[in-house]
């Protein structure tokens, strides 16, 4: 226990002493998964609920900046936290004044007949880097693939050079992504929060899930966020890397160093551990990797996945 505490102290101290805008070993960090919302808006927010004592407060760029930039984070990609169409515009307007936001993953319904017009509207903004679709807001990617205009709309997304983030992985979603990437092979797809998923206990289902994951590992346009890593075990959320290393090793082995991304899931991550712990855990994990592998994870792969553009001198060239 003493050695674990000492290691955590040294990691925290190293982060605090790093040059502003630089991460461990001088690597800048692009956080590919944050949420922004304002609980004080007159119209309110669809998420989080008022009963969530941790999350129900404004999550805006100035608050994020105060938390993240002292730890070496130089940019972030905002991922949708609302199914309301006009919230795409709300966050794009917000991001326009905030150079720390290098991209926005919005919300459009791929099954909607007006999808094409909505995509035309928002893709004209260079900060709009794609949409999120999956097991969220009552949607089902697997079911969508059977609808007439759904695949055609995915092809529109691909033709626009944008990215599809997938929400809340489970075995059915993994199988759907295998099917999707076969139908639209040029589309860049990012699987969010894969470390949080538990593989099925049933042996046959587990084998099907693992086969699907290996298939996706062979598809070069599929990326994975090593995000939402922490787990609650009983009443505790352990900080010790040894609890999570096997999961991180397994995913990294399947997708390789060129297709894994850092994402914090802030402020949702506050329900598990503080931001410093979220970043500190994966910094500790990548401390045993090559500097090139760490640089890919903390920023280079995010350019390949999202094609974001540099907005601030502290951000690496992209």
C-alpha atoms as a PDB file:
ATOM      1  CA  UNK A   1       0.000   0.000   0.000  1.00  0.00           C
ATOM      2  CA  UNK A   2       2.828   2.389   0.831  1.00  0.00           C
ATOM      3  CA  UNK A   3       4.420   1.810  -2.576  1.00  0.00           C
ATOM      4  CA  UNK A   4       1.097   2.458  -4.340  1.00  0.00           C
ATOM      5  CA  UNK A   5       0.596   5.693  -2.405  1.00  0.00           C
ATOM      6  CA  UNK A   6       4.166   6.801  -3.158  1.00  0.00           C
ATOM      7  CA  UNK A   7       3.696   6.112  -6.887  1.00  0.00           C
ATOM      8  CA  UNK A   8       0.428   8.090  -6.955  1.00  0.00           C
ATOM      9  CA  UNK A   9       2.164  10.997  -5.188  1.00  0.00           C
ATOM     10  CA  UNK A  10       5.042  10.993  -7.668  1.00  0.00           C
ATOM     11  CA  UNK A  11       2.665  10.914 -10.636  1.00  0.00           C
ATOM     12  CA  UNK A  12       0.675  13.830  -9.275  1.00  0.00           C
ATOM     13  CA  UNK A  13       3.853  15.759  -8.553  1.00  0.00           C
ATOM     14  CA  UNK A  14       5.163  15.089 -12.039  1.00  0.00           C
ATOM     15  CA  UNK A  15       1.945  16.377 -13.581  1.00  0.00           C
ATOM     16  CA  UNK A  16       2.044  19.541 -11.512  1.00  0.00           C
ATOM     17  CA  UNK A  17       5.668  20.220 -12.470  1.00  0.00           C
ATOM     18  CA  UNK A  18       5.207  19.603 -16.193  1.00  0.00           C
ATOM     19  CA  UNK A  19       5.505  22.702 -18.395  1.00  0.00           C
ATOM     20  CA  UNK A  20       2.175  24.346 -19.074  1.00  0.00           C
ATOM     21  CA  UNK A  21       0.553  22.746 -22.107  1.00  0.00           C
ATOM     22  CA  UNK A  22       2.695  19.601 -21.924  1.00  0.00           C
ATOM     23  CA  UNK A  23       1.960  16.195 -20.533  1.00  0.00           C
ATOM     24  CA  UNK A  24       4.266  13.559 -19.101  1.00  0.00           C
ATOM     25  CA  UNK A  25       7.601  13.410 -20.949  1.00  0.00           C
ATOM     26  CA  UNK A  26       6.680  16.603 -22.805  1.00  0.00           C
ATOM     27  CA  UNK A  27       3.740  15.041 -24.681  1.00  0.00           C
ATOM     28  CA  UNK A  28       0.754  17.362 -25.254  1.00  0.00           C
ATOM     29  CA  UNK A  29      -2.656  15.860 -24.531  1.00  0.00           C
ATOM     30  CA  UNK A  30      -5.813  16.037 -26.627  1.00  0.00           C
ATOM     31  CA  UNK A  31      -8.813  14.815 -24.652  1.00  0.00           C
ATOM     32  CA  UNK A  32     -11.175  13.232 -27.197  1.00  0.00           C
ATOM     33  CA  UNK A  33     -14.194  12.879 -24.935  1.00  0.00           C
ATOM     34  CA  UNK A  34     -15.675  15.650 -22.840  1.00  0.00           C
ATOM     35  CA  UNK A  35     -19.272  16.797 -22.385  1.00  0.00           C
ATOM     36  CA  UNK A  36     -20.432  20.395 -22.187  1.00  0.00           C
ATOM     37  CA  UNK A  37     -23.785  21.599 -20.884  1.00  0.00           C
ATOM     38  CA  UNK A  38     -25.254  24.485 -18.911  1.00  0.00           C
ATOM     39  CA  UNK A  39     -27.733  23.495 -16.227  1.00  0.00           C
ATOM     40  CA  UNK A  40     -28.593  27.190 -15.785  1.00  0.00           C
ATOM     41  CA  UNK A  41     -30.117  27.576 -19.250  1.00  0.00           C
ATOM     42  CA  UNK A  42     -33.799  28.584 -19.231  1.00  0.00           C
ATOM     43  CA  UNK A  43     -34.686  25.496 -21.302  1.00  0.00           C
ATOM     44  CA  UNK A  44     -32.645  23.239 -19.026  1.00  0.00           C
ATOM     45  CA  UNK A  45     -30.729  20.184 -20.231  1.00  0.00           C
ATOM     46  CA  UNK A  46     -31.835  16.640 -21.137  1.00  0.00           C
ATOM     47  CA  UNK A  47     -28.845  15.258 -19.219  1.00  0.00           C
ATOM     48  CA  UNK A  48     -27.772  15.109 -16.411  1.00  0.00           C
ATOM     49  CA  UNK A  49     -30.852  14.917 -14.209  1.00  0.00           C
ATOM     50  CA  UNK A  50     -31.391  17.283 -11.314  1.00  0.00           C
ATOM     51  CA  UNK A  51     -31.141  14.379  -8.881  1.00  0.00           C
ATOM     52  CA  UNK A  52     -27.485  13.784  -9.822  1.00  0.00           C
ATOM     53  CA  UNK A  53     -25.678  15.725  -7.103  1.00  0.00           C
ATOM     54  CA  UNK A  54     -22.253  15.230  -8.727  1.00  0.00           C
ATOM     55  CA  UNK A  55     -23.069  16.215 -12.302  1.00  0.00           C
ATOM     56  CA  UNK A  56     -25.915  18.714 -12.102  1.00  0.00           C
ATOM     57  CA  UNK A  57     -23.919  21.916 -12.386  1.00  0.00           C
ATOM     58  CA  UNK A  58     -22.645  23.850 -15.402  1.00  0.00           C
ATOM     59  CA  UNK A  59     -19.942  21.985 -17.335  1.00  0.00           C
ATOM     60  CA  UNK A  60     -18.494  24.718 -19.521  1.00  0.00           C
ATOM     61  CA  UNK A  61     -15.075  25.309 -21.115  1.00  0.00           C
ATOM     62  CA  UNK A  62     -13.776  27.668 -18.425  1.00  0.00           C
ATOM     63  CA  UNK A  63     -14.377  25.076 -15.708  1.00  0.00           C
ATOM     64  CA  UNK A  64     -12.799  22.345 -17.843  1.00  0.00           C
ATOM     65  CA  UNK A  65      -9.803  24.537 -18.624  1.00  0.00           C
ATOM     66  CA  UNK A  66      -9.116  25.207 -14.942  1.00  0.00           C
ATOM     67  CA  UNK A  67      -9.061  21.472 -14.259  1.00  0.00           C
ATOM     68  CA  UNK A  68      -7.307  20.140 -17.352  1.00  0.00           C
ATOM     69  CA  UNK A  69      -4.706  22.648 -18.561  1.00  0.00           C
ATOM     70  CA  UNK A  70      -2.536  22.491 -15.389  1.00  0.00           C
ATOM     71  CA  UNK A  71      -2.285  18.747 -16.083  1.00  0.00           C
ATOM     72  CA  UNK A  72      -0.974  19.238 -19.615  1.00  0.00           C
ATOM     73  CA  UNK A  73      -4.176  19.055 -21.656  1.00  0.00           C
ATOM     74  CA  UNK A  74      -4.052  21.449 -24.623  1.00  0.00           C
ATOM     75  CA  UNK A  75      -7.236  20.584 -26.499  1.00  0.00           C
ATOM     76  CA  UNK A  76     -10.473  18.636 -26.298  1.00  0.00           C
ATOM     77  CA  UNK A  77     -13.227  17.203 -28.457  1.00  0.00           C
ATOM     78  CA  UNK A  78     -16.739  17.745 -27.154  1.00  0.00           C
ATOM     79  CA  UNK A  79     -19.036  14.734 -27.539  1.00  0.00           C
ATOM     80  CA  UNK A  80     -22.805  15.235 -27.581  1.00  0.00           C
ATOM     81  CA  UNK A  81     -24.707  15.193 -24.304  1.00  0.00           C
ATOM     82  CA  UNK A  82     -28.119  16.052 -25.777  1.00  0.00           C
ATOM     83  CA  UNK A  83     -30.496  14.682 -28.422  1.00  0.00           C
ATOM     84  CA  UNK A  84     -31.897  18.171 -29.116  1.00  0.00           C
ATOM     85  CA  UNK A  85     -30.998  19.249 -32.652  1.00  0.00           C
ATOM     86  CA  UNK A  86     -30.441  22.895 -31.765  1.00  0.00           C
ATOM     87  CA  UNK A  87     -27.921  21.905 -29.098  1.00  0.00           C
ATOM     88  CA  UNK A  88     -25.555  21.113 -31.976  1.00  0.00           C
ATOM     89  CA  UNK A  89     -25.628  24.813 -32.814  1.00  0.00           C
ATOM     90  CA  UNK A  90     -25.453  25.813 -29.144  1.00  0.00           C
ATOM     91  CA  UNK A  91     -22.208  23.945 -28.606  1.00  0.00           C
ATOM     92  CA  UNK A  92     -20.697  25.057 -31.937  1.00  0.00           C
ATOM     93  CA  UNK A  93     -21.370  28.663 -30.968  1.00  0.00           C
ATOM     94  CA  UNK A  94     -19.805  28.005 -27.564  1.00  0.00           C
ATOM     95  CA  UNK A  95     -16.754  26.304 -29.069  1.00  0.00           C
ATOM     96  CA  UNK A  96     -16.183  29.150 -31.534  1.00  0.00           C
ATOM     97  CA  UNK A  97     -15.033  31.326 -28.631  1.00  0.00           C
ATOM     98  CA  UNK A  98     -13.011  28.592 -26.938  1.00  0.00           C
ATOM     99  CA  UNK A  99      -9.773  27.508 -28.699  1.00  0.00           C
ATOM    100  CA  UNK A 100      -9.318  24.614 -26.285  1.00  0.00           C
ATOM    101  CA  UNK A 101     -12.227  22.919 -28.110  1.00  0.00           C
ATOM    102  CA  UNK A 102     -10.739  21.503 -31.318  1.00  0.00           C
ATOM    103  CA  UNK A 103     -13.807  19.569 -32.423  1.00  0.00           C
ATOM    104  CA  UNK A 104     -17.442  18.768 -31.773  1.00  0.00           C
ATOM    105  CA  UNK A 105     -19.111  15.382 -32.147  1.00  0.00           C
ATOM    106  CA  UNK A 106     -22.768  16.248 -32.468  1.00  0.00           C
ATOM    107  CA  UNK A 107     -26.100  14.503 -32.462  1.00  0.00           C
ATOM    108  CA  UNK A 108     -28.128  13.771 -35.596  1.00  0.00           C
ATOM    109  CA  UNK A 109     -30.568  10.899 -36.096  1.00  0.00           C
ATOM    110  CA  UNK A 110     -29.336   8.696 -38.927  1.00  0.00           C
ATOM    111  CA  UNK A 111     -32.858   7.327 -39.371  1.00  0.00           C
ATOM    112  CA  UNK A 112     -34.472  10.755 -39.802  1.00  0.00           C
ATOM    113  CA  UNK A 113     -35.621  11.785 -43.297  1.00  0.00           C
ATOM    114  CA  UNK A 114     -34.129  15.242 -42.706  1.00  0.00           C
ATOM    115  CA  UNK A 115     -30.668  13.848 -41.869  1.00  0.00           C
ATOM    116  CA  UNK A 116     -29.090  15.015 -45.133  1.00  0.00           C
ATOM    117  CA  UNK A 117     -30.265  18.588 -44.711  1.00  0.00           C
ATOM    118  CA  UNK A 118     -29.162  18.648 -41.079  1.00  0.00           C
ATOM    119  CA  UNK A 119     -25.744  17.282 -42.015  1.00  0.00           C
ATOM    120  CA  UNK A 120     -25.350  19.958 -44.698  1.00  0.00           C
ATOM    121  CA  UNK A 121     -26.186  22.613 -42.130  1.00  0.00           C
ATOM    122  CA  UNK A 122     -23.702  21.596 -39.478  1.00  0.00           C
ATOM    123  CA  UNK A 123     -20.802  20.247 -41.542  1.00  0.00           C
ATOM    124  CA  UNK A 124     -20.255  23.728 -42.943  1.00  0.00           C
ATOM    125  CA  UNK A 125     -18.680  24.544 -39.570  1.00  0.00           C
ATOM    126  CA  UNK A 126     -15.104  23.137 -39.505  1.00  0.00           C
ATOM    127  CA  UNK A 127     -15.433  22.390 -35.790  1.00  0.00           C
ATOM    128  CA  UNK A 128     -18.191  19.850 -36.536  1.00  0.00           C
ATOM    129  CA  UNK A 129     -16.255  16.583 -36.788  1.00  0.00           C
ATOM    130  CA  UNK A 130     -19.010  13.960 -36.764  1.00  0.00           C
ATOM    131  CA  UNK A 131     -21.901  12.474 -34.833  1.00  0.00           C
ATOM    132  CA  UNK A 132     -22.500   9.940 -32.080  1.00  0.00           C
ATOM    133  CA  UNK A 133     -24.950   7.063 -32.477  1.00  0.00           C
ATOM    134  CA  UNK A 134     -25.460   3.847 -30.565  1.00  0.00           C
ATOM    135  CA  UNK A 135     -27.107   2.650 -27.372  1.00  0.00           C
ATOM    136  CA  UNK A 136     -28.180   6.108 -26.270  1.00  0.00           C
ATOM    137  CA  UNK A 137     -31.336   8.232 -26.400  1.00  0.00           C
ATOM    138  CA  UNK A 138     -33.401   5.159 -27.252  1.00  0.00           C
ATOM    139  CA  UNK A 139     -31.463   4.450 -30.434  1.00  0.00           C
ATOM    140  CA  UNK A 140     -30.178   1.105 -31.669  1.00  0.00           C
ATOM    141  CA  UNK A 141     -27.408   0.969 -34.261  1.00  0.00           C
ATOM    142  CA  UNK A 142     -28.043  -2.700 -35.090  1.00  0.00           C
ATOM    143  CA  UNK A 143     -31.733  -2.064 -35.788  1.00  0.00           C
ATOM    144  CA  UNK A 144     -30.910   1.053 -37.792  1.00  0.00           C
ATOM    145  CA  UNK A 145     -28.770  -0.872 -40.259  1.00  0.00           C
ATOM    146  CA  UNK A 146     -31.918  -2.619 -41.470  1.00  0.00           C
ATOM    147  CA  UNK A 147     -33.698   0.621 -42.393  1.00  0.00           C
ATOM    148  CA  UNK A 148     -33.836   1.913 -45.944  1.00  0.00           C
ATOM    149  CA  UNK A 149     -32.124   5.277 -45.631  1.00  0.00           C
ATOM    150  CA  UNK A 150     -29.839   4.504 -42.692  1.00  0.00           C
ATOM    151  CA  UNK A 151     -26.862   3.124 -44.626  1.00  0.00           C
ATOM    152  CA  UNK A 152     -27.274   5.834 -47.269  1.00  0.00           C
ATOM    153  CA  UNK A 153     -26.989   8.442 -44.497  1.00  0.00           C
ATOM    154  CA  UNK A 154     -23.886   6.734 -43.121  1.00  0.00           C
ATOM    155  CA  UNK A 155     -22.393   7.044 -46.606  1.00  0.00           C
ATOM    156  CA  UNK A 156     -23.208  10.759 -46.601  1.00  0.00           C
ATOM    157  CA  UNK A 157     -21.322  11.058 -43.290  1.00  0.00           C
ATOM    158  CA  UNK A 158     -18.360   9.215 -44.774  1.00  0.00           C
ATOM    159  CA  UNK A 159     -18.379  11.285 -47.967  1.00  0.00           C
ATOM    160  CA  UNK A 160     -18.251  14.434 -45.842  1.00  0.00           C
ATOM    161  CA  UNK A 161     -15.037  13.175 -44.215  1.00  0.00           C
ATOM    162  CA  UNK A 162     -16.687  13.003 -40.795  1.00  0.00           C
ATOM    163  CA  UNK A 163     -16.508  10.444 -38.006  1.00  0.00           C
ATOM    164  CA  UNK A 164     -19.052   8.215 -36.264  1.00  0.00           C
ATOM    165  CA  UNK A 165     -18.647   7.769 -32.509  1.00  0.00           C
ATOM    166  CA  UNK A 166     -20.535   4.797 -31.079  1.00  0.00           C
ATOM    167  CA  UNK A 167     -22.123   5.011 -27.655  1.00  0.00           C
ATOM    168  CA  UNK A 168     -22.089   2.587 -24.728  1.00  0.00           C
ATOM    169  CA  UNK A 169     -20.599  -0.666 -26.076  1.00  0.00           C
ATOM    170  CA  UNK A 170     -22.107  -4.096 -25.557  1.00  0.00           C
ATOM    171  CA  UNK A 171     -21.755  -7.321 -27.598  1.00  0.00           C
ATOM    172  CA  UNK A 172     -24.656  -6.409 -29.896  1.00  0.00           C
ATOM    173  CA  UNK A 173     -23.137  -3.003 -30.629  1.00  0.00           C
ATOM    174  CA  UNK A 174     -19.761  -4.584 -31.433  1.00  0.00           C
ATOM    175  CA  UNK A 175     -21.487  -6.960 -33.872  1.00  0.00           C
ATOM    176  CA  UNK A 176     -23.331  -4.016 -35.420  1.00  0.00           C
ATOM    177  CA  UNK A 177     -20.074  -2.095 -35.901  1.00  0.00           C
ATOM    178  CA  UNK A 178     -18.605  -5.117 -37.710  1.00  0.00           C
ATOM    179  CA  UNK A 179     -21.600  -5.069 -40.034  1.00  0.00           C
ATOM    180  CA  UNK A 180     -21.553  -1.273 -40.433  1.00  0.00           C
ATOM    181  CA  UNK A 181     -17.874  -1.127 -41.348  1.00  0.00           C
ATOM    182  CA  UNK A 182     -18.451  -3.816 -43.936  1.00  0.00           C
ATOM    183  CA  UNK A 183     -21.252  -1.790 -45.505  1.00  0.00           C
ATOM    184  CA  UNK A 184     -19.435   1.576 -45.317  1.00  0.00           C
ATOM    185  CA  UNK A 185     -15.728   0.679 -45.237  1.00  0.00           C
ATOM    186  CA  UNK A 186     -14.456   4.238 -45.754  1.00  0.00           C
ATOM    187  CA  UNK A 187     -16.222   5.624 -42.677  1.00  0.00           C
ATOM    188  CA  UNK A 188     -14.039   6.386 -39.665  1.00  0.00           C
ATOM    189  CA  UNK A 189     -15.586   4.855 -36.534  1.00  0.00           C
ATOM    190  CA  UNK A 190     -14.596   5.455 -32.915  1.00  0.00           C
ATOM    191  CA  UNK A 191     -15.721   3.009 -30.226  1.00  0.00           C
ATOM    192  CA  UNK A 192     -16.228   4.927 -26.990  1.00  0.00           C
ATOM    193  CA  UNK A 193     -15.526   3.610 -23.499  1.00  0.00           C
ATOM    194  CA  UNK A 194     -14.617   0.037 -24.447  1.00  0.00           C
ATOM    195  CA  UNK A 195     -12.730  -0.619 -21.153  1.00  0.00           C
ATOM    196  CA  UNK A 196     -16.012  -0.170 -19.272  1.00  0.00           C
ATOM    197  CA  UNK A 197     -17.693  -3.048 -21.069  1.00  0.00           C
ATOM    198  CA  UNK A 198     -17.749  -6.447 -19.414  1.00  0.00           C
ATOM    199  CA  UNK A 199     -17.344  -9.416 -21.743  1.00  0.00           C
ATOM    200  CA  UNK A 200     -20.256 -11.910 -21.616  1.00  0.00           C
ATOM    201  CA  UNK A 201     -20.039 -14.729 -19.088  1.00  0.00           C
ATOM    202  CA  UNK A 202     -21.583 -17.194 -21.535  1.00  0.00           C
ATOM    203  CA  UNK A 203     -18.764 -18.934 -23.372  1.00  0.00           C
ATOM    204  CA  UNK A 204     -20.371 -18.865 -26.823  1.00  0.00           C
ATOM    205  CA  UNK A 205     -21.370 -15.211 -26.513  1.00  0.00           C
ATOM    206  CA  UNK A 206     -17.930 -14.314 -25.245  1.00  0.00           C
ATOM    207  CA  UNK A 207     -16.301 -16.024 -28.224  1.00  0.00           C
ATOM    208  CA  UNK A 208     -18.628 -14.194 -30.637  1.00  0.00           C
ATOM    209  CA  UNK A 209     -17.803 -10.871 -28.981  1.00  0.00           C
ATOM    210  CA  UNK A 210     -14.047 -11.545 -29.063  1.00  0.00           C
ATOM    211  CA  UNK A 211     -14.222 -12.618 -32.723  1.00  0.00           C
ATOM    212  CA  UNK A 212     -16.051  -9.383 -33.542  1.00  0.00           C
ATOM    213  CA  UNK A 213     -13.468  -7.322 -31.704  1.00  0.00           C
ATOM    214  CA  UNK A 214     -10.625  -9.063 -33.532  1.00  0.00           C
ATOM    215  CA  UNK A 215     -12.370  -8.403 -36.844  1.00  0.00           C
ATOM    216  CA  UNK A 216     -12.603  -4.709 -35.998  1.00  0.00           C
ATOM    217  CA  UNK A 217      -8.941  -4.797 -35.047  1.00  0.00           C
ATOM    218  CA  UNK A 218      -8.193  -5.625 -38.687  1.00  0.00           C
ATOM    219  CA  UNK A 219     -10.159  -2.626 -39.990  1.00  0.00           C
ATOM    220  CA  UNK A 220      -7.836   0.377 -40.142  1.00  0.00           C
ATOM    221  CA  UNK A 221     -10.542   3.045 -39.876  1.00  0.00           C
ATOM    222  CA  UNK A 222     -11.857   1.784 -36.533  1.00  0.00           C
ATOM    223  CA  UNK A 223     -10.451   3.504 -33.419  1.00  0.00           C
ATOM    224  CA  UNK A 224     -11.025   2.845 -29.731  1.00  0.00           C
ATOM    225  CA  UNK A 225     -11.038   5.181 -26.763  1.00  0.00           C
ATOM    226  CA  UNK A 226      -9.229   3.816 -23.733  1.00  0.00           C
ATOM    227  CA  UNK A 227     -11.703   5.843 -21.700  1.00  0.00           C
ATOM    228  CA  UNK A 228     -14.084   5.145 -18.802  1.00  0.00           C
ATOM    229  CA  UNK A 229     -11.376   2.861 -17.418  1.00  0.00           C
ATOM    230  CA  UNK A 230     -12.244   3.072 -13.726  1.00  0.00           C
ATOM    231  CA  UNK A 231     -14.658   0.553 -12.189  1.00  0.00           C
ATOM    232  CA  UNK A 232     -16.542   0.485  -8.947  1.00  0.00           C
ATOM    233  CA  UNK A 233     -15.671  -2.593  -6.926  1.00  0.00           C
ATOM    234  CA  UNK A 234     -17.985  -2.848  -3.965  1.00  0.00           C
ATOM    235  CA  UNK A 235     -17.943   0.564  -2.336  1.00  0.00           C
ATOM    236  CA  UNK A 236     -14.570   1.596  -3.789  1.00  0.00           C
ATOM    237  CA  UNK A 237     -13.175   2.785  -7.106  1.00  0.00           C
ATOM    238  CA  UNK A 238      -9.561   1.575  -6.981  1.00  0.00           C
ATOM    239  CA  UNK A 239      -6.823   3.863  -8.310  1.00  0.00           C
ATOM    240  CA  UNK A 240      -4.231   1.087  -8.588  1.00  0.00           C
ATOM    241  CA  UNK A 241      -3.279   0.396 -12.222  1.00  0.00           C
ATOM    242  CA  UNK A 242      -2.959  -3.337 -11.530  1.00  0.00           C
ATOM    243  CA  UNK A 243      -6.762  -3.536 -11.319  1.00  0.00           C
ATOM    244  CA  UNK A 244      -7.146  -2.283 -14.908  1.00  0.00           C
ATOM    245  CA  UNK A 245      -3.953  -3.316 -16.681  1.00  0.00           C
ATOM    246  CA  UNK A 246      -5.253  -6.601 -18.120  1.00  0.00           C
ATOM    247  CA  UNK A 247      -8.204  -4.863 -19.776  1.00  0.00           C
ATOM    248  CA  UNK A 248      -5.996  -2.124 -21.230  1.00  0.00           C
ATOM    249  CA  UNK A 249      -3.493  -4.726 -22.441  1.00  0.00           C
ATOM    250  CA  UNK A 250      -6.215  -6.762 -24.140  1.00  0.00           C
ATOM    251  CA  UNK A 251      -7.705  -3.820 -26.044  1.00  0.00           C
ATOM    252  CA  UNK A 252      -4.282  -2.419 -26.959  1.00  0.00           C
ATOM    253  CA  UNK A 253      -3.209  -5.802 -28.324  1.00  0.00           C
ATOM    254  CA  UNK A 254      -6.262  -5.990 -30.593  1.00  0.00           C
ATOM    255  CA  UNK A 255      -6.145  -2.438 -31.994  1.00  0.00           C
ATOM    256  CA  UNK A 256      -2.450  -1.605 -31.787  1.00  0.00           C
ATOM    257  CA  UNK A 257      -0.747   1.649 -30.914  1.00  0.00           C
ATOM    258  CA  UNK A 258      -2.050   3.504 -33.992  1.00  0.00           C
ATOM    259  CA  UNK A 259      -5.760   3.294 -33.101  1.00  0.00           C
ATOM    260  CA  UNK A 260      -6.192   3.956 -29.386  1.00  0.00           C
ATOM    261  CA  UNK A 261      -7.191   7.381 -28.054  1.00  0.00           C
ATOM    262  CA  UNK A 262      -7.281   9.220 -24.747  1.00  0.00           C
ATOM    263  CA  UNK A 263     -10.679  10.402 -23.548  1.00  0.00           C
ATOM    264  CA  UNK A 264     -11.601  11.474 -20.044  1.00  0.00           C
ATOM    265  CA  UNK A 265     -15.424  11.412 -20.232  1.00  0.00           C
ATOM    266  CA  UNK A 266     -15.410  14.583 -18.121  1.00  0.00           C
ATOM    267  CA  UNK A 267     -17.495  15.551 -16.182  1.00  0.00           C
ATOM    268  CA  UNK A 268     -19.208  12.153 -16.160  1.00  0.00           C
ATOM    269  CA  UNK A 269     -15.875  10.760 -14.949  1.00  0.00           C
ATOM    270  CA  UNK A 270     -16.282  12.717 -11.696  1.00  0.00           C
ATOM    271  CA  UNK A 271     -18.690  10.004 -10.587  1.00  0.00           C
ATOM    272  CA  UNK A 272     -15.722   7.643 -10.411  1.00  0.00           C
ATOM    273  CA  UNK A 273     -12.496   9.578  -9.765  1.00  0.00           C
ATOM    274  CA  UNK A 274     -11.170  13.161 -10.174  1.00  0.00           C
ATOM    275  CA  UNK A 275      -9.807  14.226 -13.560  1.00  0.00           C
ATOM    276  CA  UNK A 276      -6.212  14.078 -12.288  1.00  0.00           C
ATOM    277  CA  UNK A 277      -6.691  10.389 -11.511  1.00  0.00           C
ATOM    278  CA  UNK A 278      -8.336   9.684 -14.887  1.00  0.00           C
ATOM    279  CA  UNK A 279      -5.357  11.155 -16.730  1.00  0.00           C
ATOM    280  CA  UNK A 280      -2.807   9.922 -14.203  1.00  0.00           C
ATOM    281  CA  UNK A 281      -3.871   6.287 -14.555  1.00  0.00           C
ATOM    282  CA  UNK A 282      -3.320   6.138 -18.314  1.00  0.00           C
ATOM    283  CA  UNK A 283      -0.122   8.166 -18.041  1.00  0.00           C
ATOM    284  CA  UNK A 284       1.145   5.528 -15.664  1.00  0.00           C
ATOM    285  CA  UNK A 285       0.079   2.799 -18.097  1.00  0.00           C
ATOM    286  CA  UNK A 286       1.820   4.446 -21.060  1.00  0.00           C
ATOM    287  CA  UNK A 287       4.950   5.152 -19.031  1.00  0.00           C
ATOM    288  CA  UNK A 288       5.941   1.547 -19.800  1.00  0.00           C
ATOM    289  CA  UNK A 289       5.389   2.038 -23.554  1.00  0.00           C
ATOM    290  CA  UNK A 290       7.646   3.748 -26.065  1.00  0.00           C
ATOM    291  CA  UNK A 291       7.518   7.557 -26.300  1.00  0.00           C
ATOM    292  CA  UNK A 292       6.142   7.160 -29.835  1.00  0.00           C
ATOM    293  CA  UNK A 293       3.282   4.949 -28.613  1.00  0.00           C
ATOM    294  CA  UNK A 294       2.439   7.403 -25.841  1.00  0.00           C
ATOM    295  CA  UNK A 295       2.461  10.331 -28.258  1.00  0.00           C
ATOM    296  CA  UNK A 296       0.090   8.484 -30.563  1.00  0.00           C
ATOM    297  CA  UNK A 297      -2.327   7.756 -27.742  1.00  0.00           C
ATOM    298  CA  UNK A 298      -2.296  11.213 -26.207  1.00  0.00           C
ATOM    299  CA  UNK A 299      -2.677  13.210 -29.432  1.00  0.00           C
ATOM    300  CA  UNK A 300      -1.479  11.915 -32.807  1.00  0.00           C
ATOM    301  CA  UNK A 301      -4.192   9.270 -33.221  1.00  0.00           C
ATOM    302  CA  UNK A 302      -6.863  11.858 -32.478  1.00  0.00           C
ATOM    303  CA  UNK A 303      -5.845  13.706 -35.644  1.00  0.00           C
ATOM    304  CA  UNK A 304      -6.254  10.545 -37.701  1.00  0.00           C
ATOM    305  CA  UNK A 305      -9.618   9.772 -36.097  1.00  0.00           C
ATOM    306  CA  UNK A 306     -11.172  13.254 -36.198  1.00  0.00           C
ATOM    307  CA  UNK A 307      -9.111  15.407 -38.609  1.00  0.00           C
ATOM    308  CA  UNK A 308      -9.247  18.326 -36.172  1.00  0.00           C
ATOM    309  CA  UNK A 309      -7.255  21.494 -36.808  1.00  0.00           C
ATOM    310  CA  UNK A 310      -4.962  23.387 -34.491  1.00  0.00           C
ATOM    311  CA  UNK A 311      -6.597  26.428 -32.878  1.00  0.00           C
ATOM    312  CA  UNK A 312      -4.025  27.479 -30.289  1.00  0.00           C
ATOM    313  CA  UNK A 313      -0.183  27.700 -30.278  1.00  0.00           C
ATOM    314  CA  UNK A 314      -0.036  25.210 -27.382  1.00  0.00           C
ATOM    315  CA  UNK A 315      -1.634  22.520 -29.566  1.00  0.00           C
ATOM    316  CA  UNK A 316       0.559  20.195 -31.626  1.00  0.00           C
ATOM    317  CA  UNK A 317       0.630  20.561 -35.386  1.00  0.00           C
ATOM    318  CA  UNK A 318      -2.243  18.820 -37.092  1.00  0.00           C
END
